[in-house]
Amino acid sequence: MSRFFPYTLSGQKVLGLNLLVPEPEEVRTLYEEDQAAGLLSPFPFWTRVWPSAMTLSLFIESHPQYIERRKILELGAGLALPSIIASRYAAVVLATDYIEDAVWLMNQNIEALKLHNITAKMMDWHNLPENINADTVLLSDINYSPDAFGALHKVIERFLENGSVIILTTPGRIVANAFIELLMPYIAYREWTDVDGTEILLAVLIKNPGDHGK
């Protein structure tokens, strides 16, 4: 490895891909050791493929019209499965996360899968570059903290105002209901999917939902 990385990687078959992922038991063990040592860092949720990412990836495969020949941006990408799937159809894909280890692993998978139209980059959606833009923005399970709902809503409105389509997936958490209500004026399409017992909402957001499909 070109830099220190705390986890052992193994191959996981996901949607026809051999994706490199950290060993789950090792992730938990190292986290518990850090907590016991007084290192109160958050749990590295980015180290696994979540149902929301699976739902978004499957939607991309069944609805490539939102992706084909477009410029794609994923925020809070984690392992970036939706971005990797989107690269099959898109002109260019940028997968981003604020966690350095996540971005490093994205790059390992991009190289291992021999993908040429996708880039991974560190980026915090709380502080986006002024010139960032995309035809389609992917958001997978990033509305988990009520403290961030206000900032996330502003990010979504910014991209919608600039003409982006946003595809969002989220588990049906009660705490997130208020956030989803804020997005209702922009929802052009939505569906619920059960993934291994977890109910996932998928929503397509555009500035003027009444024009959807015209």
N, C-alpha and C. Protein backbone atom coordinates (compact mmCIF):
# COMPACT_ATOMS: atom_id res chain seq x y z
N MET A 1 0.83 -1.20 0.00
CA MET A 1 0.00 0.00 0.00
C MET A 1 0.88 1.26 0.00
N SER A 2 0.37 2.32 -0.63
CA SER A 2 1.15 3.53 -0.76
C SER A 2 1.08 4.43 0.47
N ARG A 3 0.20 4.13 1.42
CA ARG A 3 0.08 4.92 2.63
C ARG A 3 -0.47 4.03 3.73
N PHE A 4 -0.38 4.52 4.97
CA PHE A 4 -0.92 3.73 6.07
C PHE A 4 -2.43 3.62 5.93
N PHE A 5 -2.92 2.40 6.04
CA PHE A 5 -4.36 2.14 6.00
C PHE A 5 -4.64 1.12 7.09
N PRO A 6 -5.60 1.39 7.99
CA PRO A 6 -5.70 0.56 9.20
C PRO A 6 -6.38 -0.78 9.03
N TYR A 7 -7.01 -1.03 7.88
CA TYR A 7 -7.83 -2.24 7.76
C TYR A 7 -7.28 -3.21 6.71
N THR A 8 -7.51 -4.49 6.95
CA THR A 8 -7.25 -5.51 5.94
C THR A 8 -8.40 -5.49 4.94
N LEU A 9 -8.07 -5.58 3.66
CA LEU A 9 -9.08 -5.55 2.62
C LEU A 9 -9.37 -6.95 2.09
N SER A 10 -10.63 -7.17 1.74
CA SER A 10 -11.01 -8.43 1.12
C SER A 10 -11.98 -8.12 -0.01
N GLY A 11 -12.12 -9.07 -0.94
CA GLY A 11 -13.03 -8.89 -2.06
C GLY A 11 -14.46 -9.23 -1.68
N GLN A 12 -15.39 -8.37 -2.06
CA GLN A 12 -16.82 -8.63 -1.83
C GLN A 12 -17.55 -8.52 -3.16
N LYS A 13 -18.29 -9.56 -3.52
CA LYS A 13 -19.04 -9.54 -4.77
C LYS A 13 -20.28 -8.68 -4.59
N VAL A 14 -20.37 -7.59 -5.37
CA VAL A 14 -21.49 -6.66 -5.29
C VAL A 14 -21.89 -6.27 -6.71
N LEU A 15 -23.08 -6.64 -7.12
CA LEU A 15 -23.61 -6.26 -8.43
C LEU A 15 -22.62 -6.56 -9.56
N GLY A 16 -22.03 -7.74 -9.49
CA GLY A 16 -21.12 -8.17 -10.54
C GLY A 16 -19.71 -7.63 -10.41
N LEU A 17 -19.45 -6.88 -9.34
CA LEU A 17 -18.12 -6.31 -9.11
C LEU A 17 -17.41 -7.06 -7.99
N ASN A 18 -16.10 -7.11 -8.08
CA ASN A 18 -15.30 -7.61 -6.96
C ASN A 18 -14.76 -6.38 -6.24
N LEU A 19 -15.53 -5.90 -5.25
CA LEU A 19 -15.22 -4.65 -4.58
C LEU A 19 -14.32 -4.91 -3.38
N LEU A 20 -13.26 -4.12 -3.24
CA LEU A 20 -12.40 -4.20 -2.08
C LEU A 20 -13.07 -3.48 -0.90
N VAL A 21 -13.23 -4.19 0.21
CA VAL A 21 -13.86 -3.61 1.40
C VAL A 21 -13.07 -4.00 2.64
N PRO A 22 -13.10 -3.17 3.68
CA PRO A 22 -12.44 -3.55 4.94
C PRO A 22 -13.15 -4.73 5.60
N GLU A 23 -12.37 -5.56 6.28
CA GLU A 23 -12.94 -6.70 7.02
C GLU A 23 -13.81 -6.17 8.17
N PRO A 24 -15.11 -6.51 8.20
CA PRO A 24 -16.03 -5.94 9.20
C PRO A 24 -15.62 -6.19 10.64
N GLU A 25 -15.18 -7.39 10.95
CA GLU A 25 -14.80 -7.70 12.33
C GLU A 25 -13.58 -6.90 12.76
N GLU A 26 -12.67 -6.71 11.82
CA GLU A 26 -11.48 -5.92 12.12
C GLU A 26 -11.84 -4.46 12.37
N VAL A 27 -12.78 -3.95 11.58
CA VAL A 27 -13.24 -2.57 11.76
C VAL A 27 -13.80 -2.39 13.16
N ARG A 28 -14.67 -3.31 13.56
CA ARG A 28 -15.28 -3.19 14.89
C ARG A 28 -14.24 -3.35 16.01
N THR A 29 -13.35 -4.30 15.85
CA THR A 29 -12.33 -4.53 16.88
C THR A 29 -11.44 -3.30 17.06
N LEU A 30 -10.98 -2.72 15.95
CA LEU A 30 -10.13 -1.53 16.04
C LEU A 30 -10.88 -0.34 16.63
N TYR A 31 -12.14 -0.23 16.29
CA TYR A 31 -12.96 0.85 16.85
C TYR A 31 -13.09 0.69 18.36
N GLU A 32 -13.39 -0.52 18.81
CA GLU A 32 -13.55 -0.77 20.24
C GLU A 32 -12.23 -0.54 20.98
N GLU A 33 -11.12 -0.90 20.36
CA GLU A 33 -9.81 -0.65 20.98
C GLU A 33 -9.55 0.85 21.11
N ASP A 34 -9.91 1.61 20.10
CA ASP A 34 -9.73 3.07 20.16
C ASP A 34 -10.60 3.68 21.26
N GLN A 35 -11.83 3.19 21.37
CA GLN A 35 -12.72 3.72 22.41
C GLN A 35 -12.17 3.42 23.80
N ALA A 36 -11.67 2.21 23.96
CA ALA A 36 -11.10 1.82 25.26
C ALA A 36 -9.87 2.65 25.61
N ALA A 37 -9.16 3.10 24.57
CA ALA A 37 -7.96 3.91 24.79
C ALA A 37 -8.28 5.40 24.93
N GLY A 38 -9.57 5.72 24.89
CA GLY A 38 -9.98 7.12 25.04
C GLY A 38 -9.99 7.92 23.76
N LEU A 39 -9.83 7.27 22.62
CA LEU A 39 -9.90 7.95 21.33
C LEU A 39 -11.35 7.94 20.86
N LEU A 40 -12.06 9.00 21.14
CA LEU A 40 -13.51 9.03 20.93
C LEU A 40 -13.87 9.44 19.50
N SER A 41 -13.29 8.76 18.54
CA SER A 41 -13.60 9.02 17.14
C SER A 41 -14.90 8.32 16.77
N PRO A 42 -15.63 8.85 15.78
CA PRO A 42 -16.90 8.22 15.37
C PRO A 42 -16.66 6.87 14.71
N PHE A 43 -17.67 6.02 14.77
CA PHE A 43 -17.56 4.71 14.12
C PHE A 43 -17.43 4.92 12.60
N PRO A 44 -16.54 4.17 11.93
CA PRO A 44 -16.32 4.35 10.48
C PRO A 44 -17.41 3.68 9.65
N PHE A 45 -18.57 4.29 9.62
CA PHE A 45 -19.70 3.71 8.89
C PHE A 45 -19.43 3.57 7.40
N TRP A 46 -18.49 4.34 6.89
CA TRP A 46 -18.19 4.31 5.46
C TRP A 46 -17.59 2.99 5.00
N THR A 47 -17.20 2.10 5.93
CA THR A 47 -16.45 0.89 5.57
C THR A 47 -17.31 -0.26 5.06
N ARG A 48 -18.60 -0.09 4.93
CA ARG A 48 -19.44 -1.17 4.41
C ARG A 48 -20.41 -0.65 3.36
N VAL A 49 -20.95 -1.58 2.57
CA VAL A 49 -21.97 -1.24 1.58
C VAL A 49 -23.32 -1.28 2.28
N TRP A 50 -24.01 -0.14 2.33
CA TRP A 50 -25.28 -0.04 3.04
C TRP A 50 -26.46 -0.24 2.08
N PRO A 51 -27.62 -0.61 2.62
CA PRO A 51 -28.80 -0.81 1.76
C PRO A 51 -29.13 0.38 0.87
N SER A 52 -28.91 1.60 1.38
CA SER A 52 -29.19 2.79 0.55
C SER A 52 -28.29 2.83 -0.68
N ALA A 53 -27.03 2.45 -0.52
CA ALA A 53 -26.12 2.43 -1.66
C ALA A 53 -26.52 1.36 -2.67
N MET A 54 -26.97 0.22 -2.18
CA MET A 54 -27.44 -0.84 -3.08
C MET A 54 -28.66 -0.37 -3.84
N THR A 55 -29.61 0.27 -3.14
CA THR A 55 -30.83 0.75 -3.78
C THR A 55 -30.51 1.77 -4.87
N LEU A 56 -29.63 2.72 -4.55
CA LEU A 56 -29.26 3.74 -5.53
C LEU A 56 -28.56 3.12 -6.73
N SER A 57 -27.68 2.16 -6.49
CA SER A 57 -26.95 1.51 -7.58
C SER A 57 -27.89 0.73 -8.50
N LEU A 58 -28.84 0.02 -7.91
CA LEU A 58 -29.80 -0.73 -8.72
C LEU A 58 -30.70 0.20 -9.53
N PHE A 59 -31.06 1.34 -8.94
CA PHE A 59 -31.88 2.32 -9.66
C PHE A 59 -31.11 2.88 -10.85
N ILE A 60 -29.83 3.15 -10.66
CA ILE A 60 -29.01 3.64 -11.77
C ILE A 60 -28.99 2.64 -12.92
N GLU A 61 -28.86 1.38 -12.59
CA GLU A 61 -28.83 0.35 -13.63
C GLU A 61 -30.15 0.23 -14.37
N SER A 62 -31.26 0.42 -13.66
CA SER A 62 -32.58 0.28 -14.29
C SER A 62 -33.10 1.59 -14.88
N HIS A 63 -32.46 2.72 -14.54
CA HIS A 63 -32.88 4.02 -15.07
C HIS A 63 -31.64 4.81 -15.55
N PRO A 64 -30.91 4.28 -16.51
CA PRO A 64 -29.67 4.93 -16.93
C PRO A 64 -29.88 6.30 -17.58
N GLN A 65 -31.13 6.65 -17.90
CA GLN A 65 -31.37 7.95 -18.53
C GLN A 65 -30.97 9.12 -17.64
N TYR A 66 -30.88 8.89 -16.34
CA TYR A 66 -30.44 9.95 -15.43
C TYR A 66 -28.92 10.09 -15.40
N ILE A 67 -28.23 9.14 -16.02
CA ILE A 67 -26.77 9.04 -15.90
C ILE A 67 -26.06 9.12 -17.24
N GLU A 68 -26.67 8.58 -18.29
CA GLU A 68 -26.00 8.41 -19.58
C GLU A 68 -25.42 9.71 -20.11
N ARG A 69 -24.12 9.65 -20.41
CA ARG A 69 -23.38 10.76 -21.03
C ARG A 69 -23.42 12.04 -20.19
N ARG A 70 -23.67 11.90 -18.89
CA ARG A 70 -23.77 13.06 -18.01
C ARG A 70 -22.57 13.17 -17.08
N LYS A 71 -22.42 14.35 -16.49
CA LYS A 71 -21.41 14.60 -15.47
C LYS A 71 -22.04 14.29 -14.11
N ILE A 72 -21.45 13.34 -13.39
CA ILE A 72 -22.04 12.83 -12.16
C ILE A 72 -21.17 13.22 -10.97
N LEU A 73 -21.81 13.60 -9.88
CA LEU A 73 -21.13 13.90 -8.62
C LEU A 73 -21.81 13.12 -7.50
N GLU A 74 -21.01 12.40 -6.71
CA GLU A 74 -21.54 11.77 -5.50
C GLU A 74 -20.91 12.43 -4.28
N LEU A 75 -21.76 12.86 -3.35
CA LEU A 75 -21.30 13.47 -2.10
C LEU A 75 -21.43 12.46 -0.97
N GLY A 76 -20.47 12.47 -0.05
CA GLY A 76 -20.50 11.52 1.06
C GLY A 76 -20.51 10.09 0.57
N ALA A 77 -19.62 9.79 -0.36
CA ALA A 77 -19.72 8.55 -1.14
C ALA A 77 -19.32 7.29 -0.37
N GLY A 78 -18.47 7.39 0.67
CA GLY A 78 -18.05 6.19 1.38
C GLY A 78 -17.27 5.26 0.46
N LEU A 79 -17.80 4.06 0.23
CA LEU A 79 -17.16 3.12 -0.68
C LEU A 79 -17.47 3.41 -2.14
N ALA A 80 -18.41 4.34 -2.39
CA ALA A 80 -18.69 4.85 -3.74
C ALA A 80 -19.27 3.82 -4.70
N LEU A 81 -20.03 2.84 -4.20
CA LEU A 81 -20.64 1.87 -5.10
C LEU A 81 -21.53 2.54 -6.15
N PRO A 82 -22.42 3.48 -5.78
CA PRO A 82 -23.24 4.12 -6.82
C PRO A 82 -22.41 4.82 -7.89
N SER A 83 -21.33 5.48 -7.48
CA SER A 83 -20.46 6.14 -8.46
C SER A 83 -19.82 5.13 -9.40
N ILE A 84 -19.38 4.01 -8.86
CA ILE A 84 -18.75 2.98 -9.69
C ILE A 84 -19.75 2.42 -10.70
N ILE A 85 -20.98 2.17 -10.26
CA ILE A 85 -22.01 1.70 -11.18
C ILE A 85 -22.33 2.79 -12.21
N ALA A 86 -22.42 4.04 -11.76
CA ALA A 86 -22.72 5.15 -12.68
C ALA A 86 -21.65 5.29 -13.76
N SER A 87 -20.41 4.93 -13.46
CA SER A 87 -19.32 5.07 -14.43
C SER A 87 -19.53 4.19 -15.66
N ARG A 88 -20.42 3.21 -15.57
CA ARG A 88 -20.72 2.37 -16.72
C ARG A 88 -21.46 3.16 -17.80
N TYR A 89 -22.14 4.22 -17.41
CA TYR A 89 -23.00 4.95 -18.34
C TYR A 89 -22.60 6.42 -18.52
N ALA A 90 -21.98 7.01 -17.50
CA ALA A 90 -21.74 8.46 -17.47
C ALA A 90 -20.58 8.88 -18.35
N ALA A 91 -20.56 10.18 -18.67
CA ALA A 91 -19.39 10.74 -19.33
C ALA A 91 -18.23 10.84 -18.36
N VAL A 92 -18.51 11.33 -17.17
CA VAL A 92 -17.48 11.48 -16.15
C VAL A 92 -18.14 11.44 -14.77
N VAL A 93 -17.44 10.88 -13.79
CA VAL A 93 -17.96 10.73 -12.43
C VAL A 93 -16.93 11.25 -11.44
N LEU A 94 -17.39 12.03 -10.47
CA LEU A 94 -16.55 12.46 -9.36
C LEU A 94 -17.17 11.94 -8.06
N ALA A 95 -16.47 11.04 -7.37
CA ALA A 95 -16.92 10.49 -6.09
C ALA A 95 -16.16 11.19 -4.98
N THR A 96 -16.88 11.72 -3.98
CA THR A 96 -16.23 12.54 -2.95
C THR A 96 -16.63 12.10 -1.55
N ASP A 97 -15.73 12.34 -0.62
CA ASP A 97 -15.99 12.14 0.80
C ASP A 97 -14.99 13.00 1.57
N TYR A 98 -15.34 13.33 2.81
CA TYR A 98 -14.42 14.15 3.61
C TYR A 98 -13.43 13.30 4.38
N ILE A 99 -13.59 11.96 4.34
CA ILE A 99 -12.73 11.05 5.09
C ILE A 99 -11.61 10.57 4.17
N GLU A 100 -10.37 10.83 4.57
CA GLU A 100 -9.22 10.51 3.73
C GLU A 100 -9.12 9.02 3.42
N ASP A 101 -9.34 8.16 4.43
CA ASP A 101 -9.23 6.72 4.20
C ASP A 101 -10.27 6.24 3.19
N ALA A 102 -11.47 6.81 3.24
CA ALA A 102 -12.51 6.43 2.28
C ALA A 102 -12.09 6.78 0.86
N VAL A 103 -11.55 7.97 0.68
CA VAL A 103 -11.11 8.39 -0.65
C VAL A 103 -9.95 7.52 -1.14
N TRP A 104 -9.02 7.19 -0.23
CA TRP A 104 -7.92 6.31 -0.61
C TRP A 104 -8.45 4.97 -1.11
N LEU A 105 -9.44 4.41 -0.41
CA LEU A 105 -9.98 3.11 -0.82
C LEU A 105 -10.78 3.22 -2.12
N MET A 106 -11.49 4.33 -2.31
CA MET A 106 -12.16 4.54 -3.60
C MET A 106 -11.14 4.42 -4.73
N ASN A 107 -10.01 5.07 -4.55
CA ASN A 107 -8.99 5.04 -5.59
C ASN A 107 -8.43 3.64 -5.82
N GLN A 108 -8.32 2.86 -4.74
CA GLN A 108 -7.86 1.47 -4.91
C GLN A 108 -8.85 0.67 -5.75
N ASN A 109 -10.15 0.87 -5.52
CA ASN A 109 -11.16 0.16 -6.30
C ASN A 109 -11.21 0.65 -7.73
N ILE A 110 -11.08 1.95 -7.93
CA ILE A 110 -11.05 2.50 -9.29
C ILE A 110 -9.91 1.87 -10.09
N GLU A 111 -8.74 1.77 -9.44
CA GLU A 111 -7.57 1.18 -10.12
C GLU A 111 -7.77 -0.32 -10.35
N ALA A 112 -8.27 -1.02 -9.33
CA ALA A 112 -8.45 -2.47 -9.45
C ALA A 112 -9.48 -2.83 -10.51
N LEU A 113 -10.52 -2.00 -10.64
CA LEU A 113 -11.58 -2.26 -11.61
C LEU A 113 -11.27 -1.68 -12.99
N LYS A 114 -10.11 -1.01 -13.09
CA LYS A 114 -9.66 -0.43 -14.36
C LYS A 114 -10.69 0.53 -14.95
N LEU A 115 -11.18 1.43 -14.10
CA LEU A 115 -12.15 2.44 -14.53
C LEU A 115 -11.40 3.70 -14.96
N HIS A 116 -11.87 4.33 -16.02
CA HIS A 116 -11.12 5.45 -16.60
C HIS A 116 -11.89 6.77 -16.60
N ASN A 117 -13.17 6.75 -16.25
CA ASN A 117 -13.96 7.98 -16.30
C ASN A 117 -14.47 8.41 -14.92
N ILE A 118 -13.79 7.92 -13.88
CA ILE A 118 -14.20 8.24 -12.52
C ILE A 118 -12.98 8.67 -11.71
N THR A 119 -13.19 9.71 -10.90
CA THR A 119 -12.14 10.25 -10.04
C THR A 119 -12.67 10.31 -8.61
N ALA A 120 -11.81 10.04 -7.65
CA ALA A 120 -12.16 10.17 -6.22
C ALA A 120 -11.39 11.34 -5.63
N LYS A 121 -12.09 12.12 -4.81
CA LYS A 121 -11.48 13.33 -4.27
C LYS A 121 -12.04 13.64 -2.89
N MET A 122 -11.19 14.17 -2.02
CA MET A 122 -11.67 14.62 -0.72
C MET A 122 -12.48 15.89 -0.88
N MET A 123 -13.69 15.89 -0.29
CA MET A 123 -14.56 17.06 -0.37
C MET A 123 -15.60 16.96 0.74
N ASP A 124 -15.83 18.06 1.43
CA ASP A 124 -16.82 18.12 2.49
C ASP A 124 -18.00 18.93 1.98
N TRP A 125 -19.20 18.33 1.96
CA TRP A 125 -20.34 19.06 1.41
C TRP A 125 -20.77 20.23 2.30
N HIS A 126 -20.20 20.33 3.49
CA HIS A 126 -20.43 21.53 4.29
C HIS A 126 -19.66 22.74 3.73
N ASN A 127 -18.66 22.48 2.91
CA ASN A 127 -17.81 23.55 2.40
C ASN A 127 -17.43 23.24 0.95
N LEU A 128 -18.41 23.27 0.08
CA LEU A 128 -18.19 22.91 -1.32
C LEU A 128 -17.49 24.03 -2.08
N PRO A 129 -16.65 23.66 -3.06
CA PRO A 129 -16.06 24.68 -3.92
C PRO A 129 -17.14 25.46 -4.67
N GLU A 130 -16.88 26.72 -4.93
CA GLU A 130 -17.86 27.57 -5.61
C GLU A 130 -18.16 27.06 -7.02
N ASN A 131 -17.16 26.47 -7.68
CA ASN A 131 -17.31 26.10 -9.09
C ASN A 131 -17.76 24.66 -9.29
N ILE A 132 -18.12 23.95 -8.23
CA ILE A 132 -18.53 22.55 -8.38
C ILE A 132 -19.91 22.48 -9.02
N ASN A 133 -20.07 21.59 -10.01
CA ASN A 133 -21.36 21.43 -10.67
C ASN A 133 -21.47 20.02 -11.21
N ALA A 134 -22.69 19.63 -11.55
CA ALA A 134 -22.92 18.29 -12.08
C ALA A 134 -24.29 18.24 -12.73
N ASP A 135 -24.45 17.36 -13.70
CA ASP A 135 -25.78 17.13 -14.28
C ASP A 135 -26.65 16.35 -13.32
N THR A 136 -26.05 15.35 -12.65
CA THR A 136 -26.77 14.52 -11.69
C THR A 136 -25.93 14.37 -10.44
N VAL A 137 -26.57 14.58 -9.28
CA VAL A 137 -25.91 14.45 -7.99
C VAL A 137 -26.49 13.24 -7.26
N LEU A 138 -25.61 12.39 -6.75
CA LEU A 138 -26.00 11.19 -6.02
C LEU A 138 -25.79 11.38 -4.53
N LEU A 139 -26.83 11.06 -3.74
CA LEU A 139 -26.77 11.18 -2.28
C LEU A 139 -27.30 9.89 -1.68
N SER A 140 -26.45 9.16 -1.01
CA SER A 140 -26.83 7.87 -0.44
C SER A 140 -26.66 7.89 1.08
N ASP A 141 -27.78 7.90 1.81
CA ASP A 141 -27.79 7.78 3.27
C ASP A 141 -26.88 8.81 3.94
N ILE A 142 -27.01 10.08 3.54
CA ILE A 142 -26.20 11.10 4.20
C ILE A 142 -27.03 11.97 5.15
N ASN A 143 -28.35 11.78 5.18
CA ASN A 143 -29.21 12.59 6.06
C ASN A 143 -29.52 11.83 7.35
N TYR A 144 -28.45 11.43 8.06
CA TYR A 144 -28.63 10.65 9.28
C TYR A 144 -28.51 11.49 10.54
N SER A 145 -27.98 12.71 10.43
CA SER A 145 -27.78 13.56 11.60
C SER A 145 -28.66 14.81 11.51
N PRO A 146 -29.63 14.97 12.40
CA PRO A 146 -30.49 16.16 12.36
C PRO A 146 -29.71 17.47 12.41
N ASP A 147 -28.55 17.46 13.05
CA ASP A 147 -27.74 18.68 13.14
C ASP A 147 -27.28 19.17 11.76
N ALA A 148 -27.25 18.25 10.80
CA ALA A 148 -26.75 18.60 9.46
C ALA A 148 -27.87 18.86 8.46
N PHE A 149 -29.13 18.69 8.86
CA PHE A 149 -30.23 18.79 7.91
C PHE A 149 -30.29 20.17 7.24
N GLY A 150 -30.09 21.23 8.01
CA GLY A 150 -30.16 22.57 7.45
C GLY A 150 -29.12 22.80 6.38
N ALA A 151 -27.87 22.42 6.68
CA ALA A 151 -26.79 22.60 5.71
C ALA A 151 -27.00 21.72 4.48
N LEU A 152 -27.46 20.49 4.69
CA LEU A 152 -27.68 19.58 3.57
C LEU A 152 -28.81 20.10 2.67
N HIS A 153 -29.85 20.65 3.28
CA HIS A 153 -30.95 21.20 2.49
C HIS A 153 -30.46 22.34 1.61
N LYS A 154 -29.58 23.18 2.13
CA LYS A 154 -29.02 24.28 1.34
C LYS A 154 -28.19 23.75 0.17
N VAL A 155 -27.43 22.68 0.41
CA VAL A 155 -26.63 22.07 -0.66
C VAL A 155 -27.55 21.56 -1.76
N ILE A 156 -28.62 20.87 -1.38
CA ILE A 156 -29.57 20.34 -2.36
C ILE A 156 -30.20 21.47 -3.16
N GLU A 157 -30.64 22.52 -2.47
CA GLU A 157 -31.25 23.65 -3.18
C GLU A 157 -30.26 24.31 -4.14
N ARG A 158 -29.01 24.39 -3.73
CA ARG A 158 -27.99 24.99 -4.60
C ARG A 158 -27.87 24.23 -5.91
N PHE A 159 -27.78 22.91 -5.85
CA PHE A 159 -27.64 22.12 -7.07
C PHE A 159 -28.91 22.16 -7.91
N LEU A 160 -30.07 22.11 -7.25
CA LEU A 160 -31.32 22.18 -8.00
C LEU A 160 -31.45 23.50 -8.74
N GLU A 161 -31.07 24.60 -8.09
CA GLU A 161 -31.13 25.92 -8.73
C GLU A 161 -30.23 25.99 -9.95
N ASN A 162 -29.15 25.20 -9.92
CA ASN A 162 -28.22 25.18 -11.05
C ASN A 162 -28.60 24.16 -12.11
N GLY A 163 -29.76 23.53 -11.95
CA GLY A 163 -30.28 22.62 -12.97
C GLY A 163 -29.92 21.16 -12.81
N SER A 164 -29.30 20.80 -11.70
CA SER A 164 -28.94 19.40 -11.48
C SER A 164 -30.17 18.56 -11.14
N VAL A 165 -30.12 17.30 -11.51
CA VAL A 165 -31.04 16.28 -10.99
C VAL A 165 -30.36 15.65 -9.79
N ILE A 166 -31.12 15.43 -8.73
CA ILE A 166 -30.57 14.79 -7.53
C ILE A 166 -31.30 13.48 -7.30
N ILE A 167 -30.53 12.42 -7.11
CA ILE A 167 -31.11 11.12 -6.76
C ILE A 167 -30.65 10.79 -5.35
N LEU A 168 -31.60 10.65 -4.45
CA LEU A 168 -31.32 10.47 -3.03
C LEU A 168 -31.93 9.17 -2.53
N THR A 169 -31.18 8.44 -1.73
CA THR A 169 -31.72 7.27 -1.05
C THR A 169 -31.46 7.40 0.44
N THR A 170 -32.44 6.94 1.23
CA THR A 170 -32.31 7.04 2.69
C THR A 170 -33.19 6.00 3.35
N PRO A 171 -32.72 5.42 4.45
CA PRO A 171 -33.60 4.53 5.22
C PRO A 171 -34.77 5.33 5.80
N GLY A 172 -35.86 4.63 6.10
CA GLY A 172 -37.05 5.29 6.63
C GLY A 172 -36.95 5.57 8.11
N ARG A 173 -35.96 6.39 8.48
CA ARG A 173 -35.79 6.75 9.89
C ARG A 173 -36.81 7.81 10.29
N ILE A 174 -37.41 7.65 11.46
CA ILE A 174 -38.36 8.64 11.94
C ILE A 174 -37.70 10.00 12.06
N VAL A 175 -36.44 10.02 12.51
CA VAL A 175 -35.74 11.28 12.73
C VAL A 175 -35.56 12.06 11.43
N ALA A 176 -35.62 11.36 10.28
CA ALA A 176 -35.39 12.02 9.00
C ALA A 176 -36.67 12.50 8.33
N ASN A 177 -37.83 12.24 8.95
CA ASN A 177 -39.10 12.61 8.32
C ASN A 177 -39.19 14.10 8.03
N ALA A 178 -38.73 14.92 8.98
CA ALA A 178 -38.81 16.37 8.80
C ALA A 178 -37.95 16.81 7.62
N PHE A 179 -36.80 16.16 7.45
CA PHE A 179 -35.92 16.50 6.33
C PHE A 179 -36.59 16.16 5.01
N ILE A 180 -37.20 14.98 4.92
CA ILE A 180 -37.88 14.59 3.68
C ILE A 180 -39.03 15.53 3.37
N GLU A 181 -39.73 15.99 4.40
CA GLU A 181 -40.83 16.94 4.19
C GLU A 181 -40.32 18.22 3.51
N LEU A 182 -39.13 18.66 3.87
CA LEU A 182 -38.56 19.85 3.25
C LEU A 182 -38.32 19.66 1.75
N LEU A 183 -38.11 18.41 1.34
CA LEU A 183 -37.79 18.12 -0.05
C LEU A 183 -39.02 17.85 -0.91
N MET A 184 -40.19 17.73 -0.29
CA MET A 184 -41.39 17.36 -1.03
C MET A 184 -41.67 18.23 -2.26
N PRO A 185 -41.44 19.56 -2.19
CA PRO A 185 -41.71 20.38 -3.39
C PRO A 185 -40.86 20.02 -4.59
N TYR A 186 -39.77 19.28 -4.38
CA TYR A 186 -38.86 18.96 -5.48
C TYR A 186 -38.94 17.50 -5.93
N ILE A 187 -39.71 16.68 -5.28
CA ILE A 187 -39.73 15.25 -5.59
C ILE A 187 -40.56 14.99 -6.84
N ALA A 188 -39.88 14.56 -7.89
CA ALA A 188 -40.55 14.23 -9.15
C ALA A 188 -40.92 12.75 -9.21
N TYR A 189 -40.19 11.94 -8.46
CA TYR A 189 -40.45 10.49 -8.46
C TYR A 189 -39.93 9.93 -7.16
N ARG A 190 -40.67 8.97 -6.59
CA ARG A 190 -40.18 8.29 -5.39
C ARG A 190 -40.72 6.88 -5.33
N GLU A 191 -39.96 6.04 -4.66
CA GLU A 191 -40.36 4.65 -4.46
C GLU A 191 -39.73 4.12 -3.18
N TRP A 192 -40.39 3.14 -2.60
CA TRP A 192 -39.85 2.47 -1.41
C TRP A 192 -39.42 1.07 -1.81
N THR A 193 -38.26 0.65 -1.28
CA THR A 193 -37.71 -0.66 -1.57
C THR A 193 -37.28 -1.33 -0.28
N ASP A 194 -37.53 -2.62 -0.18
CA ASP A 194 -37.06 -3.39 0.98
C ASP A 194 -35.73 -4.07 0.63
N VAL A 195 -34.70 -3.74 1.39
CA VAL A 195 -33.38 -4.35 1.18
C VAL A 195 -32.98 -5.05 2.47
N ASP A 196 -33.07 -6.38 2.47
CA ASP A 196 -32.70 -7.17 3.64
C ASP A 196 -33.41 -6.70 4.90
N GLY A 197 -34.70 -6.38 4.75
CA GLY A 197 -35.50 -5.98 5.90
C GLY A 197 -35.44 -4.49 6.23
N THR A 198 -34.68 -3.71 5.48
CA THR A 198 -34.59 -2.27 5.70
C THR A 198 -35.37 -1.55 4.60
N GLU A 199 -36.33 -0.71 5.00
CA GLU A 199 -37.10 0.07 4.04
C GLU A 199 -36.29 1.29 3.59
N ILE A 200 -36.09 1.39 2.28
CA ILE A 200 -35.29 2.47 1.72
C ILE A 200 -36.16 3.33 0.81
N LEU A 201 -36.13 4.64 1.05
CA LEU A 201 -36.79 5.59 0.16
C LEU A 201 -35.81 6.06 -0.90
N LEU A 202 -36.23 6.00 -2.15
CA LEU A 202 -35.48 6.60 -3.25
C LEU A 202 -36.31 7.73 -3.81
N ALA A 203 -35.69 8.89 -3.97
CA ALA A 203 -36.39 10.05 -4.51
C ALA A 203 -35.54 10.72 -5.57
N VAL A 204 -36.20 11.11 -6.67
CA VAL A 204 -35.56 11.90 -7.72
C VAL A 204 -36.05 13.33 -7.55
N LEU A 205 -35.12 14.26 -7.39
CA LEU A 205 -35.45 15.65 -7.13
C LEU A 205 -35.06 16.50 -8.33
N ILE A 206 -35.96 17.38 -8.74
CA ILE A 206 -35.66 18.38 -9.76
C ILE A 206 -36.31 19.69 -9.34
N LYS A 207 -35.88 20.78 -9.93
CA LYS A 207 -36.36 22.09 -9.52
C LYS A 207 -37.85 22.24 -9.74
N ASN A 208 -38.34 21.78 -10.90
CA ASN A 208 -39.76 21.90 -11.24
C ASN A 208 -40.33 20.52 -11.53
N PRO A 209 -40.81 19.81 -10.49
CA PRO A 209 -41.28 18.44 -10.69
C PRO A 209 -42.41 18.31 -11.71
N GLY A 210 -43.18 19.38 -11.90
CA GLY A 210 -44.27 19.33 -12.86
C GLY A 210 -43.81 19.16 -14.29
N ASP A 211 -42.52 19.47 -14.54
CA ASP A 211 -41.97 19.32 -15.88
C ASP A 211 -41.36 17.95 -16.11
N HIS A 212 -41.35 17.10 -15.09
CA HIS A 212 -40.69 15.80 -15.18
C HIS A 212 -41.34 14.94 -16.25
N GLY A 213 -40.50 14.45 -17.15
CA GLY A 213 -41.00 13.57 -18.21
C GLY A 213 -41.45 14.30 -19.46
N LYS A 214 -41.47 15.65 -19.44
CA LYS A 214 -41.89 16.38 -20.62
C LYS A 214 -40.78 16.40 -21.67
